[in-house]
Structure formats: structure tokens, C-alpha cells
Amino acid sequence: MPDLYAVIGNPISHSKSPIIHTEFALQTKQNMQYSALIAPLDDFVETVKTFREQGGKGMNITVPFKLEAFELSTQLTERAKQAQAVNTLKFDGDQLLGDNTDGTGLARDITINLNTTIAAKRILLMGAGGAARGVILPLLEHQPIVLAIANRTVKKAQDLKQQFDGYGHLKAGNYADFVDGDFDIIINATSASLDDELPQLPAGLFNNNSLAYDMMYSNEPTRFLIFAKQQGVKHLADGVGMLVEQAAESFFLWRGIRPNTKNIIHLLNQTK
């Protein structure tokens, strides 16, 4: 009987996780079955419990349950503690190990798939919500010169700076504070792209060799990537690679094997 895994969320029908993990299992010859599971908005804990009782070995967590998964976990990795959110659960007897693989997925996509160094670079992170919090520590582990957090509500950016101050050189402010900041990597961690909107970006954030990275992805370029291209940026990327790399990190946590990601990233990009 195959080991059971699932992605849980609400809504969930759009999730590409079953495609990704099924491909990983075939590639690595793992006897496992991966499905999408919708949970009632008020019944996440019971849905997880039922899945475990049915023999489930682990789960990916998506919107809107990452905070509830954080609270449900009996053990947390350091990156999950700092993110204050969980996107991966591993079941081991009575223990529920909570992890957050989003930031590692982002960092691996940038450094491996996009062949861009983070070390000794100047990074601007747009947004100060849960998506931003989840990627700060893995980015700082690569030792950039500075990680600047820009947010419309400056207090939220300052709070994140204070939380992570001991891990690297951070700055916080609104977007206008970083004009002419000459950033090498600019990452959109806001939800603006979900609504086909553009964050309040001034011109002058990019240099000629900047990488503009949107953590969201869609069939068409996001407004942020369109804006970056208009500013002369040639290196553009959306979040498809991050999606696959965070899944690979979850798979590694569960199975102890790191799958190859390049083919599945190419497949997803081809089917946009």
C-alpha cells in the first residue's frame, strides 16, 4: 500500500502540488500517493486528524491554514518558528513536525535555477506579511550585503527588521525610502499580483543587472514584472520555480531524497 500524502487548503482545486509530487514520486521510485484535500474553513484540525487516522504520512499546507498548522505542530523547525507559519507537516507517531519550506524554495530557485548569487548582494523585499516573513531567514543565511524590507505600512516592516536583526544586516521603510538603492535582487512578496495590481513602486529601484522576482505566478506576466521590464530590467522571474523547489524541500523532509526539479519547472512553464 502506498504511503499517503496530501495538500490541504480551501480552495484547493487550483493546486499544482499533486502534479509536482506525483512526478517526484515517479522520478525517485517512491511508493506514495499524493492528493488534494479541501478542509472546511472551521474544521482544519479535524480534517488533519482524519487524514492521519487513514494512514497519512505528511501534508503540505496552503491558504488559509498555515497559521493553524503552526499552532497544531508539536515540534517546529527553526525556519518555521521564525516564519510563524507552517506549510509542511510530517507525521511521526504522536508527533507533528511543522516546517516552512517557502524561503528555502525561493533561495534555491534564485541561486540554482536562475544562477544568481544572493551572497554579497543588495536585496529589496517588497511586503511585510506572512509571505515576506517566511523567506527572510533563508535569504539572510546566504549573507547578502543588506536585506531591505519595504512596505506601505512602515511599522510592519520595522517589526520584521526587529525580529530578524540578529541574523543579518536589515533595513526597513516605505518604498520611497529606497529609491536609488541600486538593488541587485527585488522580490515581490506582496499580494498585489493576485489582484492584478502594482505595489506603489517609484522608479529608480532597479539597476541594469537587477533580477526582478515575483513570488506569485500566473499565465501572463504580473504587473510587477511588466513594470520591471519597462524600467529596463532584463532578468525577470515568477514564482513557478519557488513553488517546485519548496515542494522538493517538503519531499526531502518526508522521504530523505531530493528530486530533480528542472524538468517539472519546465513542464509547468510550458503549460501556463
Protein backbone atom coordinates (compact mmCIF):
# COMPACT_ATOMS: atom_id res chain seq x y z
CA MET A 1 0.00 0.00 0.00
CA PRO A 2 1.43 3.40 -0.92
CA ASP A 3 2.25 6.00 1.72
CA LEU A 4 -0.35 8.77 1.72
CA TYR A 5 0.40 12.49 1.41
CA ALA A 6 -1.81 15.46 0.55
CA VAL A 7 -2.02 19.21 0.15
CA ILE A 8 -4.74 20.78 2.27
CA GLY A 9 -6.37 24.16 1.72
CA ASN A 10 -9.57 25.98 0.86
CA PRO A 11 -9.90 26.49 -2.09
CA ILE A 12 -7.64 23.73 -3.37
CA SER A 13 -8.73 22.68 -6.89
CA HIS A 14 -6.17 25.04 -8.47
CA SER A 15 -3.21 23.45 -6.66
CA LYS A 16 -0.36 22.11 -8.76
CA SER A 17 1.10 20.17 -5.81
CA PRO A 18 -0.42 16.79 -6.85
CA ILE A 19 1.19 17.12 -10.30
CA ILE A 20 4.54 18.07 -8.79
CA HIS A 21 4.70 15.38 -6.09
CA THR A 22 3.39 12.63 -8.37
CA GLU A 23 6.22 13.48 -10.76
CA PHE A 24 8.73 13.47 -7.87
CA ALA A 25 7.49 10.04 -6.73
CA LEU A 26 7.79 8.56 -10.23
CA GLN A 27 11.23 10.05 -10.69
CA THR A 28 12.58 8.74 -7.37
CA LYS A 29 10.63 5.44 -7.43
CA GLN A 30 8.82 6.16 -4.17
CA ASN A 31 5.71 4.12 -3.30
CA MET A 32 3.44 7.01 -2.37
CA GLN A 33 0.16 8.62 -3.33
CA TYR A 34 -0.45 12.38 -3.22
CA SER A 35 -3.84 14.07 -3.39
CA ALA A 36 -5.54 17.44 -2.87
CA LEU A 37 -7.75 17.74 0.18
CA ILE A 38 -10.21 20.55 0.87
CA ALA A 39 -10.89 21.36 4.52
CA PRO A 40 -13.88 23.33 5.81
CA LEU A 41 -12.72 26.75 6.96
CA ASP A 42 -13.75 25.93 10.53
CA ASP A 43 -12.56 22.31 10.61
CA PHE A 44 -8.87 22.19 9.68
CA VAL A 45 -7.74 20.30 12.80
CA GLU A 46 -10.36 17.55 12.43
CA THR A 47 -9.56 17.14 8.73
CA VAL A 48 -5.86 16.65 9.53
CA LYS A 49 -6.75 14.19 12.29
CA THR A 50 -8.91 12.13 9.92
CA PHE A 51 -6.16 12.05 7.30
CA ARG A 52 -3.64 10.83 9.88
CA GLU A 53 -6.04 8.12 11.05
CA GLN A 54 -6.35 6.96 7.44
CA GLY A 55 -2.59 6.41 7.34
CA GLY A 56 -1.38 9.79 6.13
CA LYS A 57 2.36 10.40 6.50
CA GLY A 58 2.54 14.14 5.80
CA MET A 59 0.83 17.17 4.32
CA ASN A 60 1.51 20.42 2.55
CA ILE A 61 -0.49 23.35 3.90
CA THR A 62 -1.76 26.22 1.81
CA VAL A 63 -4.09 29.21 2.25
CA PRO A 64 -5.70 29.81 4.68
CA PHE A 65 -4.37 27.22 7.13
CA LYS A 66 -0.64 27.93 7.58
CA LEU A 67 -1.15 29.64 10.96
CA GLU A 68 -3.41 26.85 12.22
CA ALA A 69 -0.80 24.30 11.12
CA PHE A 70 1.79 26.28 13.09
CA GLU A 71 -0.39 26.03 16.22
CA LEU A 72 -1.13 22.34 15.64
CA SER A 73 2.53 21.29 15.34
CA THR A 74 4.11 19.57 18.35
CA GLN A 75 7.64 20.29 17.02
CA LEU A 76 8.87 23.13 14.83
CA THR A 77 11.96 23.64 12.71
CA GLU A 78 13.85 26.90 13.26
CA ARG A 79 12.68 28.30 9.94
CA ALA A 80 9.05 27.52 10.84
CA LYS A 81 9.49 29.22 14.22
CA GLN A 82 10.83 32.35 12.57
CA ALA A 83 8.21 32.33 9.81
CA GLN A 84 5.49 31.79 12.44
CA ALA A 85 3.69 29.68 9.82
CA VAL A 86 3.86 26.08 8.64
CA ASN A 87 3.47 24.83 5.08
CA THR A 88 4.68 21.26 5.65
CA LEU A 89 3.67 18.69 8.26
CA LYS A 90 5.43 15.37 8.84
CA PHE A 91 3.63 12.79 10.98
CA ASP A 92 5.77 10.58 13.19
CA GLY A 93 3.69 8.64 15.72
CA ASP A 94 2.11 11.21 18.02
CA GLN A 95 4.48 13.94 16.85
CA LEU A 96 3.60 16.53 14.21
CA LEU A 97 6.74 18.19 12.88
CA GLY A 98 5.97 21.59 11.36
CA ASP A 99 8.30 23.11 8.78
CA ASN A 100 8.24 26.06 6.40
CA THR A 101 9.96 25.36 3.09
CA ASP A 102 8.90 28.52 1.24
CA GLY A 103 12.05 30.55 1.90
CA THR A 104 14.39 27.70 1.07
CA GLY A 105 12.41 27.14 -2.13
CA LEU A 106 12.85 30.79 -3.08
CA ALA A 107 16.57 30.81 -2.30
CA ARG A 108 17.20 27.58 -4.24
CA ASP A 109 15.28 28.87 -7.24
CA ILE A 110 17.30 32.08 -7.32
CA THR A 111 20.72 30.51 -6.74
CA ILE A 112 20.39 27.21 -8.63
CA ASN A 113 17.76 27.60 -11.35
CA LEU A 114 18.37 31.29 -12.09
CA ASN A 115 22.11 31.06 -11.40
CA THR A 116 22.07 34.27 -9.36
CA THR A 117 24.15 34.68 -6.22
CA ILE A 118 22.49 36.08 -3.11
CA ALA A 119 25.74 36.39 -1.16
CA ALA A 120 27.14 39.94 -1.07
CA LYS A 121 24.12 41.28 -2.98
CA ARG A 122 21.68 44.08 -2.15
CA ILE A 123 18.13 42.74 -1.83
CA LEU A 124 14.84 44.61 -1.62
CA LEU A 125 11.94 42.59 -0.25
CA MET A 126 8.55 44.14 -1.00
CA GLY A 127 5.88 43.43 1.59
CA ALA A 128 5.85 42.64 5.30
CA GLY A 129 3.14 39.99 5.60
CA GLY A 130 3.37 36.25 6.09
CA ALA A 131 4.90 35.60 2.66
CA ALA A 132 7.74 38.02 3.40
CA ARG A 133 8.33 36.71 6.92
CA GLY A 134 8.66 33.17 5.60
CA VAL A 135 11.57 33.96 3.28
CA ILE A 136 13.70 36.38 5.33
CA LEU A 137 15.75 33.85 7.30
CA PRO A 138 16.68 31.63 4.31
CA LEU A 139 17.70 34.74 2.35
CA LEU A 140 19.83 36.04 5.22
CA GLU A 141 21.55 32.66 5.52
CA HIS A 142 23.12 33.42 2.13
CA GLN A 143 24.70 36.57 3.65
CA PRO A 144 23.57 39.40 1.38
CA ILE A 145 25.12 42.83 2.00
CA VAL A 146 21.72 44.13 3.01
CA LEU A 147 18.12 42.98 3.00
CA ALA A 148 15.79 45.97 2.86
CA ILE A 149 12.12 45.44 3.70
CA ALA A 150 9.76 47.92 2.03
CA ASN A 151 6.12 48.14 2.99
CA ARG A 152 3.28 50.64 2.68
CA THR A 153 2.77 50.37 6.46
CA VAL A 154 6.29 51.06 7.70
CA LYS A 155 5.61 49.74 11.22
CA LYS A 156 5.13 46.21 9.84
CA ALA A 157 8.47 46.41 8.02
CA GLN A 158 10.16 47.70 11.18
CA ASP A 159 8.67 44.84 13.21
CA LEU A 160 10.16 42.30 10.81
CA LYS A 161 13.52 44.06 10.95
CA GLN A 162 13.47 43.84 14.72
CA GLN A 163 12.53 40.15 14.64
CA PHE A 164 15.40 39.17 12.35
CA ASP A 165 18.05 41.76 13.32
CA GLY A 166 20.35 39.14 14.82
CA TYR A 167 20.58 37.17 11.56
CA GLY A 168 21.99 39.77 9.18
CA HIS A 169 22.01 43.39 8.01
CA LEU A 170 18.44 44.63 7.60
CA LYS A 171 16.77 47.92 6.75
CA ALA A 172 13.08 48.84 6.89
CA GLY A 173 11.00 51.64 5.41
CA ASN A 174 8.44 52.54 2.77
CA TYR A 175 9.12 52.24 -0.94
CA ALA A 176 10.22 55.86 -1.36
CA ASP A 177 12.95 55.33 1.26
CA PHE A 178 14.80 53.02 -1.12
CA VAL A 179 14.75 54.98 -4.37
CA ASP A 180 18.21 54.81 -6.00
CA GLY A 181 19.04 51.94 -3.68
CA ASP A 182 20.79 50.12 -6.54
CA PHE A 183 19.32 46.74 -5.63
CA ASP A 184 20.58 43.55 -7.27
CA ILE A 185 17.50 41.47 -6.44
CA ILE A 186 13.99 42.85 -5.92
CA ILE A 187 11.40 40.37 -4.66
CA ASN A 188 7.67 40.99 -4.68
CA ALA A 189 6.19 39.27 -1.62
CA THR A 190 3.02 41.39 -1.60
CA SER A 191 -0.40 40.07 -2.59
CA ALA A 192 -0.78 42.78 -5.27
CA SER A 193 -0.21 40.35 -8.15
CA LEU A 194 -3.15 38.21 -7.00
CA ASP A 195 -5.39 41.20 -7.69
CA ASP A 196 -3.54 42.18 -10.89
CA GLU A 197 -2.28 45.31 -9.18
CA LEU A 198 1.10 47.00 -8.86
CA PRO A 199 2.58 47.94 -5.48
CA GLN A 200 3.37 51.62 -5.01
CA LEU A 201 6.77 51.46 -6.65
CA PRO A 202 8.80 54.53 -7.57
CA ALA A 203 11.20 54.42 -10.49
CA GLY A 204 14.89 54.03 -9.65
CA LEU A 205 14.76 50.80 -7.65
CA PHE A 206 16.46 48.67 -10.28
CA ASN A 207 19.92 48.65 -11.80
CA ASN A 208 20.85 47.32 -15.26
CA ASN A 209 21.62 43.85 -13.94
CA SER A 210 18.82 43.53 -11.38
CA LEU A 211 16.73 40.39 -11.00
CA ALA A 212 13.02 41.18 -10.60
CA TYR A 213 11.32 38.22 -8.89
CA ASP A 214 7.59 37.89 -8.24
CA MET A 215 6.72 35.17 -5.73
CA MET A 216 3.30 34.88 -7.38
CA TYR A 217 2.83 33.26 -10.77
CA SER A 218 0.16 33.35 -13.45
CA ASN A 219 -0.31 32.53 -17.11
CA GLU A 220 0.63 36.10 -18.05
CA PRO A 221 3.42 38.31 -16.65
CA THR A 222 2.36 40.05 -13.44
CA ARG A 223 2.03 43.83 -13.25
CA PHE A 224 5.24 43.92 -11.20
CA LEU A 225 7.23 42.09 -13.87
CA ILE A 226 5.74 44.27 -16.60
CA PHE A 227 6.78 47.37 -14.63
CA ALA A 228 10.29 45.98 -14.13
CA LYS A 229 10.64 45.27 -17.85
CA GLN A 230 9.53 48.84 -18.61
CA GLN A 231 12.32 50.02 -16.28
CA GLY A 232 14.86 48.18 -18.43
CA VAL A 233 15.21 45.04 -16.30
CA LYS A 234 16.19 42.03 -18.40
CA HIS A 235 16.21 39.34 -15.69
CA LEU A 236 12.60 38.50 -14.78
CA ALA A 237 11.19 35.52 -12.90
CA ASP A 238 7.88 34.49 -11.39
CA GLY A 239 7.19 32.03 -8.57
CA VAL A 240 6.90 28.77 -10.52
CA GLY A 241 10.46 27.75 -9.63
CA MET A 242 9.88 28.64 -6.00
CA LEU A 243 6.70 26.52 -5.99
CA VAL A 244 8.56 23.48 -7.28
CA GLU A 245 11.62 23.99 -5.06
CA GLN A 246 9.58 24.37 -1.86
CA ALA A 247 7.77 21.16 -2.84
CA ALA A 248 11.12 19.43 -3.35
CA GLU A 249 12.20 20.55 0.12
CA SER A 250 9.00 19.07 1.60
CA PHE A 251 9.59 15.86 -0.35
CA PHE A 252 13.13 15.68 1.04
CA LEU A 253 11.80 16.13 4.59
CA TRP A 254 9.34 13.27 4.12
CA ARG A 255 11.33 10.80 2.03
CA GLY A 256 15.01 11.69 2.57
CA ILE A 257 15.55 12.05 -1.19
CA ARG A 258 15.91 15.31 -3.11
CA PRO A 259 14.19 15.08 -6.51
CA ASN A 260 15.38 16.79 -9.65
CA THR A 261 13.29 19.91 -10.23
CA LYS A 262 14.32 21.26 -13.63
CA ASN A 263 12.02 19.06 -15.73
CA ILE A 264 8.91 19.81 -13.68
CA ILE A 265 9.65 23.57 -13.69
CA HIS A 266 9.94 23.37 -17.48
CA LEU A 267 6.68 21.39 -17.68
CA LEU A 268 4.76 23.90 -15.59
CA ASN A 269 6.14 26.82 -17.57
CA GLN A 270 5.11 25.12 -20.81
CA THR A 271 1.55 24.56 -19.62
CA LYS A 272 0.90 28.14 -18.44
